[in-house]
């Protein structure tokens, strides 16, 4: 099996898809498969897995009401770092 990635937003990509459909529509063994979320060819995240876990944990803490309120006049004191 060979995978061809075509950007259908470009002029060349649109032309390729039109040509492909004209020549190969209904031919056995050749099909167009639309990408779905989570496929292997999805672009890699720029964020590390540790950072993603921290963000998810923070979101969960916010949902559970576990937050810290900061005093804008005394931020260090609000964090207990004074």
PDB file of N, CA and C in Angstrom:
ATOM      1  N   UNK A   1       0.847  -1.174   0.000  1.00  0.00           N
ATOM      2  CA  UNK A   1       0.000   0.000   0.000  1.00  0.00           C
ATOM      3  C   UNK A   1       0.890   1.233   0.000  1.00  0.00           C
ATOM      4  N   UNK A   2       0.527   2.211  -0.806  1.00  0.00           N
ATOM      5  CA  UNK A   2       1.242   3.478  -0.890  1.00  0.00           C
ATOM      6  C   UNK A   2       0.295   4.598  -0.502  1.00  0.00           C
ATOM      7  N   UNK A   3       0.799   5.547   0.263  1.00  0.00           N
ATOM      8  CA  UNK A   3      -0.005   6.691   0.677  1.00  0.00           C
ATOM      9  C   UNK A   3       0.502   7.924  -0.050  1.00  0.00           C
ATOM     10  N   UNK A   4      -0.407   8.689  -0.614  1.00  0.00           N
ATOM     11  CA  UNK A   4      -0.069   9.946  -1.268  1.00  0.00           C
ATOM     12  C   UNK A   4      -0.801  11.044  -0.518  1.00  0.00           C
ATOM     13  N   UNK A   5      -0.058  12.014  -0.029  1.00  0.00           N
ATOM     14  CA  UNK A   5      -0.652  13.130   0.705  1.00  0.00           C
ATOM     15  C   UNK A   5      -0.845  14.293  -0.265  1.00  0.00           C
ATOM     16  N   UNK A   6      -2.100  14.747  -0.410  1.00  0.00           N
ATOM     17  CA  UNK A   6      -2.427  15.808  -1.357  1.00  0.00           C
ATOM     18  C   UNK A   6      -3.093  16.951  -0.603  1.00  0.00           C
ATOM     19  N   UNK A   7      -2.555  18.154  -0.762  1.00  0.00           N
ATOM     20  CA  UNK A   7      -3.173  19.332  -0.170  1.00  0.00           C
ATOM     21  C   UNK A   7      -4.212  19.848  -1.157  1.00  0.00           C
ATOM     22  N   UNK A   8      -5.470  19.581  -0.865  1.00  0.00           N
ATOM     23  CA  UNK A   8      -6.555  19.957  -1.771  1.00  0.00           C
ATOM     24  C   UNK A   8      -6.856  21.446  -1.745  1.00  0.00           C
ATOM     25  N   UNK A   9      -6.134  22.201  -0.930  1.00  0.00           N
ATOM     26  CA  UNK A   9      -6.322  23.650  -0.868  1.00  0.00           C
ATOM     27  C   UNK A   9      -5.526  24.362  -1.974  1.00  0.00           C
ATOM     28  N   UNK A  10      -4.547  23.666  -2.546  1.00  0.00           N
ATOM     29  CA  UNK A  10      -3.699  24.292  -3.560  1.00  0.00           C
ATOM     30  C   UNK A  10      -4.240  24.020  -4.961  1.00  0.00           C
ATOM     31  N   UNK A  11      -3.791  24.826  -5.905  1.00  0.00           N
ATOM     32  CA  UNK A  11      -4.200  24.662  -7.301  1.00  0.00           C
ATOM     33  C   UNK A  11      -3.741  23.309  -7.835  1.00  0.00           C
ATOM     34  N   UNK A  12      -2.506  22.941  -7.527  1.00  0.00           N
ATOM     35  CA  UNK A  12      -1.960  21.663  -7.979  1.00  0.00           C
ATOM     36  C   UNK A  12      -2.704  20.494  -7.348  1.00  0.00           C
ATOM     37  N   UNK A  13      -3.005  20.613  -6.060  1.00  0.00           N
ATOM     38  CA  UNK A  13      -3.732  19.552  -5.369  1.00  0.00           C
ATOM     39  C   UNK A  13      -5.124  19.346  -5.945  1.00  0.00           C
ATOM     40  N   UNK A  14      -5.805  20.451  -6.248  1.00  0.00           N
ATOM     41  CA  UNK A  14      -7.144  20.356  -6.853  1.00  0.00           C
ATOM     42  C   UNK A  14      -7.067  19.694  -8.231  1.00  0.00           C
ATOM     43  N   UNK A  15      -6.050  20.071  -9.002  1.00  0.00           N
ATOM     44  CA  UNK A  15      -5.882  19.489 -10.337  1.00  0.00           C
ATOM     45  C   UNK A  15      -5.581  17.997 -10.239  1.00  0.00           C
ATOM     46  N   UNK A  16      -4.731  17.617  -9.285  1.00  0.00           N
ATOM     47  CA  UNK A  16      -4.403  16.207  -9.109  1.00  0.00           C
ATOM     48  C   UNK A  16      -5.649  15.403  -8.756  1.00  0.00           C
ATOM     49  N   UNK A  17      -6.451  15.912  -7.820  1.00  0.00           N
ATOM     50  CA  UNK A  17      -7.648  15.191  -7.395  1.00  0.00           C
ATOM     51  C   UNK A  17      -8.643  15.070  -8.548  1.00  0.00           C
ATOM     52  N   UNK A  18      -8.774  16.113  -9.353  1.00  0.00           N
ATOM     53  CA  UNK A  18      -9.675  16.052 -10.507  1.00  0.00           C
ATOM     54  C   UNK A  18      -9.198  15.000 -11.501  1.00  0.00           C
ATOM     55  N   UNK A  19      -7.885  14.980 -11.760  1.00  0.00           N
ATOM     56  CA  UNK A  19      -7.328  13.995 -12.676  1.00  0.00           C
ATOM     57  C   UNK A  19      -7.488  12.580 -12.106  1.00  0.00           C
ATOM     58  N   UNK A  20      -7.206  12.424 -10.834  1.00  0.00           N
ATOM     59  CA  UNK A  20      -7.315  11.120 -10.183  1.00  0.00           C
ATOM     60  C   UNK A  20      -8.735  10.586 -10.294  1.00  0.00           C
ATOM     61  N   UNK A  21      -9.723  11.445  -9.968  1.00  0.00           N
ATOM     62  CA  UNK A  21     -11.120  11.005 -10.027  1.00  0.00           C
ATOM     63  C   UNK A  21     -11.539  10.670 -11.454  1.00  0.00           C
ATOM     64  N   UNK A  22     -11.026  11.430 -12.434  1.00  0.00           N
ATOM     65  CA  UNK A  22     -11.389  11.172 -13.828  1.00  0.00           C
ATOM     66  C   UNK A  22     -10.827   9.836 -14.314  1.00  0.00           C
ATOM     67  N   UNK A  23      -9.611   9.515 -13.942  1.00  0.00           N
ATOM     68  CA  UNK A  23      -8.957   8.302 -14.444  1.00  0.00           C
ATOM     69  C   UNK A  23      -9.233   7.051 -13.614  1.00  0.00           C
ATOM     70  N   UNK A  24      -9.388   7.201 -12.311  1.00  0.00           N
ATOM     71  CA  UNK A  24      -9.409   6.019 -11.452  1.00  0.00           C
ATOM     72  C   UNK A  24     -10.707   5.812 -10.676  1.00  0.00           C
ATOM     73  N   UNK A  25     -11.733   6.596 -10.912  1.00  0.00           N
ATOM     74  CA  UNK A  25     -12.987   6.421 -10.183  1.00  0.00           C
ATOM     75  C   UNK A  25     -13.599   5.061 -10.540  1.00  0.00           C
ATOM     76  N   UNK A  26     -13.852   4.266  -9.510  1.00  0.00           N
ATOM     77  CA  UNK A  26     -14.459   2.964  -9.714  1.00  0.00           C
ATOM     78  C   UNK A  26     -13.499   1.845 -10.057  1.00  0.00           C
ATOM     79  N   UNK A  27     -12.210   2.144 -10.117  1.00  0.00           N
ATOM     80  CA  UNK A  27     -11.217   1.116 -10.417  1.00  0.00           C
ATOM     81  C   UNK A  27     -10.957   0.310  -9.149  1.00  0.00           C
ATOM     82  N   UNK A  28     -10.990  -1.010  -9.293  1.00  0.00           N
ATOM     83  CA  UNK A  28     -10.781  -1.875  -8.139  1.00  0.00           C
ATOM     84  C   UNK A  28      -9.342  -1.762  -7.636  1.00  0.00           C
ATOM     85  N   UNK A  29      -9.202  -1.659  -6.322  1.00  0.00           N
ATOM     86  CA  UNK A  29      -7.882  -1.596  -5.709  1.00  0.00           C
ATOM     87  C   UNK A  29      -7.366  -0.192  -5.483  1.00  0.00           C
ATOM     88  N   UNK A  30      -8.087   0.813  -5.947  1.00  0.00           N
ATOM     89  CA  UNK A  30      -7.670   2.198  -5.741  1.00  0.00           C
ATOM     90  C   UNK A  30      -8.849   2.954  -5.137  1.00  0.00           C
ATOM     91  N   UNK A  31      -8.600   3.617  -4.015  1.00  0.00           N
ATOM     92  CA  UNK A  31      -9.665   4.374  -3.377  1.00  0.00           C
ATOM     93  C   UNK A  31      -9.113   5.615  -2.691  1.00  0.00           C
ATOM     94  N   UNK A  32      -9.966   6.593  -2.507  1.00  0.00           N
ATOM     95  CA  UNK A  32      -9.619   7.804  -1.772  1.00  0.00           C
ATOM     96  C   UNK A  32     -10.106   7.607  -0.345  1.00  0.00           C
ATOM     97  N   UNK A  33      -9.182   7.758   0.598  1.00  0.00           N
ATOM     98  CA  UNK A  33      -9.526   7.621   2.008  1.00  0.00           C
ATOM     99  C   UNK A  33      -9.300   8.980   2.652  1.00  0.00           C
ATOM    100  N   UNK A  34     -10.361   9.562   3.188  1.00  0.00           N
ATOM    101  CA  UNK A  34     -10.257  10.863   3.829  1.00  0.00           C
ATOM    102  C   UNK A  34      -9.561  10.715   5.178  1.00  0.00           C
ATOM    103  N   UNK A  35      -8.702  11.677   5.528  1.00  0.00           N
ATOM    104  CA  UNK A  35      -8.012  11.591   6.820  1.00  0.00           C
ATOM    105  C   UNK A  35      -9.000  11.784   7.975  1.00  0.00           C
ATOM    106  N   UNK A  36      -8.730  11.103   9.069  1.00  0.00           N
ATOM    107  CA  UNK A  36      -9.527  11.266  10.274  1.00  0.00           C
ATOM    108  C   UNK A  36      -8.610  11.661  11.408  1.00  0.00           C
ATOM    109  N   UNK A  37      -9.179  12.266  12.444  1.00  0.00           N
ATOM    110  CA  UNK A  37      -8.397  12.718  13.585  1.00  0.00           C
ATOM    111  C   UNK A  37      -7.682  11.549  14.227  1.00  0.00           C
ATOM    112  N   UNK A  38      -6.420  11.739  14.554  1.00  0.00           N
ATOM    113  CA  UNK A  38      -5.666  10.715  15.251  1.00  0.00           C
ATOM    114  C   UNK A  38      -4.919   9.752  14.348  1.00  0.00           C
ATOM    115  N   UNK A  39      -4.928   9.993  13.047  1.00  0.00           N
ATOM    116  CA  UNK A  39      -4.203   9.092  12.158  1.00  0.00           C
ATOM    117  C   UNK A  39      -2.701   9.258  12.353  1.00  0.00           C
ATOM    118  N   UNK A  40      -1.973   8.283  11.919  1.00  0.00           N
ATOM    119  CA  UNK A  40      -0.530   8.279  12.074  1.00  0.00           C
ATOM    120  C   UNK A  40       0.112   9.456  11.363  1.00  0.00           C
ATOM    121  N   UNK A  41      -0.422   9.871  10.240  1.00  0.00           N
ATOM    122  CA  UNK A  41       0.198  10.950   9.476  1.00  0.00           C
ATOM    123  C   UNK A  41      -0.154  12.343  10.002  1.00  0.00           C
ATOM    124  N   UNK A  42      -0.820  12.404  11.144  1.00  0.00           N
ATOM    125  CA  UNK A  42      -1.143  13.693  11.744  1.00  0.00           C
ATOM    126  C   UNK A  42       0.150  14.362  12.210  1.00  0.00           C
ATOM    127  N   UNK A  43       0.230  15.675  12.085  1.00  0.00           N
ATOM    128  CA  UNK A  43       1.437  16.385  12.477  1.00  0.00           C
ATOM    129  C   UNK A  43       1.717  16.192  13.963  1.00  0.00           C
ATOM    130  N   UNK A  44       2.985  16.052  14.275  1.00  0.00           N
ATOM    131  CA  UNK A  44       3.383  15.864  15.669  1.00  0.00           C
ATOM    132  C   UNK A  44       3.158  17.151  16.448  1.00  0.00           C
ATOM    133  N   UNK A  45       2.818  17.008  17.712  1.00  0.00           N
ATOM    134  CA  UNK A  45       2.605  18.159  18.575  1.00  0.00           C
ATOM    135  C   UNK A  45       3.937  18.837  18.872  1.00  0.00           C
ATOM    136  N   UNK A  46       3.909  20.157  18.985  1.00  0.00           N
ATOM    137  CA  UNK A  46       5.119  20.894  19.335  1.00  0.00           C
ATOM    138  C   UNK A  46       5.339  20.890  20.841  1.00  0.00           C
ATOM    139  N   UNK A  47       4.361  20.372  21.598  1.00  0.00           N
ATOM    140  CA  UNK A  47       4.443  20.364  23.049  1.00  0.00           C
ATOM    141  C   UNK A  47       4.894  19.001  23.560  1.00  0.00           C
ATOM    142  N   UNK A  48       5.690  19.015  24.629  1.00  0.00           N
ATOM    143  CA  UNK A  48       6.149  17.759  25.217  1.00  0.00           C
ATOM    144  C   UNK A  48       4.988  17.082  25.939  1.00  0.00           C
ATOM    145  N   UNK A  49       5.086  15.780  26.100  1.00  0.00           N
ATOM    146  CA  UNK A  49       4.023  15.032  26.772  1.00  0.00           C
ATOM    147  C   UNK A  49       3.896  15.456  28.241  1.00  0.00           C
ATOM    148  N   UNK A  50       5.017  15.848  28.873  1.00  0.00           N
ATOM    149  CA  UNK A  50       4.966  16.310  30.262  1.00  0.00           C
ATOM    150  C   UNK A  50       4.143  17.590  30.376  1.00  0.00           C
ATOM    151  N   UNK A  51       4.358  18.509  29.431  1.00  0.00           N
ATOM    152  CA  UNK A  51       3.609  19.768  29.451  1.00  0.00           C
ATOM    153  C   UNK A  51       2.119  19.520  29.237  1.00  0.00           C
ATOM    154  N   UNK A  52       1.784  18.642  28.314  1.00  0.00           N
ATOM    155  CA  UNK A  52       0.383  18.322  28.044  1.00  0.00           C
ATOM    156  C   UNK A  52      -0.282  17.743  29.288  1.00  0.00           C
ATOM    157  N   UNK A  53       0.424  16.870  30.007  1.00  0.00           N
ATOM    158  CA  UNK A  53      -0.125  16.300  31.239  1.00  0.00           C
ATOM    159  C   UNK A  53      -0.345  17.372  32.299  1.00  0.00           C
ATOM    160  N   UNK A  54       0.587  18.325  32.410  1.00  0.00           N
ATOM    161  CA  UNK A  54       0.430  19.416  33.379  1.00  0.00           C
ATOM    162  C   UNK A  54      -0.799  20.250  33.063  1.00  0.00           C
ATOM    163  N   UNK A  55      -1.011  20.544  31.786  1.00  0.00           N
ATOM    164  CA  UNK A  55      -2.169  21.339  31.376  1.00  0.00           C
ATOM    165  C   UNK A  55      -3.462  20.586  31.667  1.00  0.00           C
ATOM    166  N   UNK A  56      -3.488  19.291  31.373  1.00  0.00           N
ATOM    167  CA  UNK A  56      -4.681  18.486  31.644  1.00  0.00           C
ATOM    168  C   UNK A  56      -4.977  18.435  33.141  1.00  0.00           C
ATOM    169  N   UNK A  57      -3.912  18.302  33.959  1.00  0.00           N
ATOM    170  CA  UNK A  57      -4.097  18.269  35.410  1.00  0.00           C
ATOM    171  C   UNK A  57      -4.619  19.617  35.904  1.00  0.00           C
ATOM    172  N   UNK A  58      -4.092  20.702  35.363  1.00  0.00           N
ATOM    173  CA  UNK A  58      -4.563  22.038  35.747  1.00  0.00           C
ATOM    174  C   UNK A  58      -6.029  22.223  35.373  1.00  0.00           C
ATOM    175  N   UNK A  59      -6.430  21.753  34.202  1.00  0.00           N
ATOM    176  CA  UNK A  59      -7.836  21.845  33.793  1.00  0.00           C
ATOM    177  C   UNK A  59      -8.731  21.076  34.755  1.00  0.00           C
ATOM    178  N   UNK A  60      -8.272  19.899  35.168  1.00  0.00           N
ATOM    179  CA  UNK A  60      -9.045  19.085  36.102  1.00  0.00           C
ATOM    180  C   UNK A  60      -9.156  19.784  37.454  1.00  0.00           C
ATOM    181  N   UNK A  61      -8.056  20.398  37.919  1.00  0.00           N
ATOM    182  CA  UNK A  61      -8.079  21.131  39.186  1.00  0.00           C
ATOM    183  C   UNK A  61      -9.050  22.307  39.129  1.00  0.00           C
ATOM    184  N   UNK A  62      -9.096  22.989  38.001  1.00  0.00           N
ATOM    185  CA  UNK A  62     -10.017  24.122  37.852  1.00  0.00           C
ATOM    186  C   UNK A  62     -11.456  23.630  37.910  1.00  0.00           C
ATOM    187  N   UNK A  63     -11.741  22.519  37.245  1.00  0.00           N
ATOM    188  CA  UNK A  63     -13.097  21.958  37.273  1.00  0.00           C
ATOM    189  C   UNK A  63     -13.504  21.581  38.692  1.00  0.00           C
ATOM    190  N   UNK A  64     -12.538  21.127  39.505  1.00  0.00           N
ATOM    191  CA  UNK A  64     -12.821  20.712  40.879  1.00  0.00           C
ATOM    192  C   UNK A  64     -12.775  21.874  41.867  1.00  0.00           C
ATOM    193  N   UNK A  65     -12.538  23.089  41.377  1.00  0.00           N
ATOM    194  CA  UNK A  65     -12.514  24.257  42.247  1.00  0.00           C
ATOM    195  C   UNK A  65     -11.211  24.430  43.006  1.00  0.00           C
ATOM    196  N   UNK A  66     -10.182  23.702  42.635  1.00  0.00           N
ATOM    197  CA  UNK A  66      -8.887  23.786  43.306  1.00  0.00           C
ATOM    198  C   UNK A  66      -8.028  24.835  42.592  1.00  0.00           C
ATOM    199  N   UNK A  67      -8.219  26.092  42.954  1.00  0.00           N
ATOM    200  CA  UNK A  67      -7.492  27.175  42.316  1.00  0.00           C
ATOM    201  C   UNK A  67      -6.845  28.066  43.365  1.00  0.00           C
ATOM    202  N   UNK A  68      -5.908  28.890  42.944  1.00  0.00           N
ATOM    203  CA  UNK A  68      -5.254  29.863  43.804  1.00  0.00           C
ATOM    204  C   UNK A  68      -5.606  31.249  43.303  1.00  0.00           C
ATOM    205  N   UNK A  69      -6.053  32.099  44.219  1.00  0.00           N
ATOM    206  CA  UNK A  69      -6.384  33.473  43.859  1.00  0.00           C
ATOM    207  C   UNK A  69      -5.183  34.357  44.162  1.00  0.00           C
ATOM    208  N   UNK A  70      -4.786  35.153  43.190  1.00  0.00           N
ATOM    209  CA  UNK A  70      -3.640  36.033  43.367  1.00  0.00           C
ATOM    210  C   UNK A  70      -4.100  37.454  43.646  1.00  0.00           C
ATOM    211  N   UNK A  71      -3.400  38.101  44.562  1.00  0.00           N
ATOM    212  CA  UNK A  71      -3.623  39.517  44.843  1.00  0.00           C
ATOM    213  C   UNK A  71      -2.685  40.286  43.922  1.00  0.00           C
ATOM    214  N   UNK A  72      -3.196  41.075  42.979  1.00  0.00           N
ATOM    215  CA  UNK A  72      -2.316  41.756  42.037  1.00  0.00           C
ATOM    216  C   UNK A  72      -1.366  42.752  42.711  1.00  0.00           C
ATOM    217  N   UNK A  73      -1.709  43.183  43.914  1.00  0.00           N
ATOM    218  CA  UNK A  73      -0.839  44.119  44.629  1.00  0.00           C
ATOM    219  C   UNK A  73       0.282  43.390  45.383  1.00  0.00           C
ATOM    220  N   UNK A  74       0.139  42.091  45.610  1.00  0.00           N
ATOM    221  CA  UNK A  74       1.136  41.307  46.353  1.00  0.00           C
ATOM    222  C   UNK A  74       1.174  39.875  45.807  1.00  0.00           C
ATOM    223  N   UNK A  75       1.656  39.734  44.597  1.00  0.00           N
ATOM    224  CA  UNK A  75       1.664  38.431  43.935  1.00  0.00           C
ATOM    225  C   UNK A  75       2.541  37.440  44.692  1.00  0.00           C
ATOM    226  N   UNK A  76       3.758  37.839  45.081  1.00  0.00           N
ATOM    227  CA  UNK A  76       4.656  36.922  45.784  1.00  0.00           C
ATOM    228  C   UNK A  76       4.048  36.482  47.111  1.00  0.00           C
ATOM    229  N   UNK A  77       3.421  37.401  47.807  1.00  0.00           N
ATOM    230  CA  UNK A  77       2.774  37.031  49.065  1.00  0.00           C
ATOM    231  C   UNK A  77       1.603  36.091  48.850  1.00  0.00           C
ATOM    232  N   UNK A  78       0.856  36.280  47.770  1.00  0.00           N
ATOM    233  CA  UNK A  78      -0.279  35.400  47.460  1.00  0.00           C
ATOM    234  C   UNK A  78       0.184  33.967  47.221  1.00  0.00           C
ATOM    235  N   UNK A  79       1.395  33.829  46.702  1.00  0.00           N
ATOM    236  CA  UNK A  79       1.944  32.494  46.426  1.00  0.00           C
ATOM    237  C   UNK A  79       2.706  31.927  47.621  1.00  0.00           C
ATOM    238  N   UNK A  80       2.800  32.707  48.687  1.00  0.00           N
ATOM    239  CA  UNK A  80       3.523  32.250  49.873  1.00  0.00           C
ATOM    240  C   UNK A  80       5.027  32.268  49.688  1.00  0.00           C
ATOM    241  N   UNK A  81       5.494  33.153  48.841  1.00  0.00           N
ATOM    242  CA  UNK A  81       6.927  33.196  48.536  1.00  0.00           C
ATOM    243  C   UNK A  81       7.595  34.440  49.091  1.00  0.00           C
ATOM    244  N   UNK A  82       6.960  35.128  50.013  1.00  0.00           N
ATOM    245  CA  UNK A  82       7.526  36.360  50.578  1.00  0.00           C
ATOM    246  C   UNK A  82       8.213  36.089  51.869  1.00  0.00           C
TER     247      UNK A  82
END
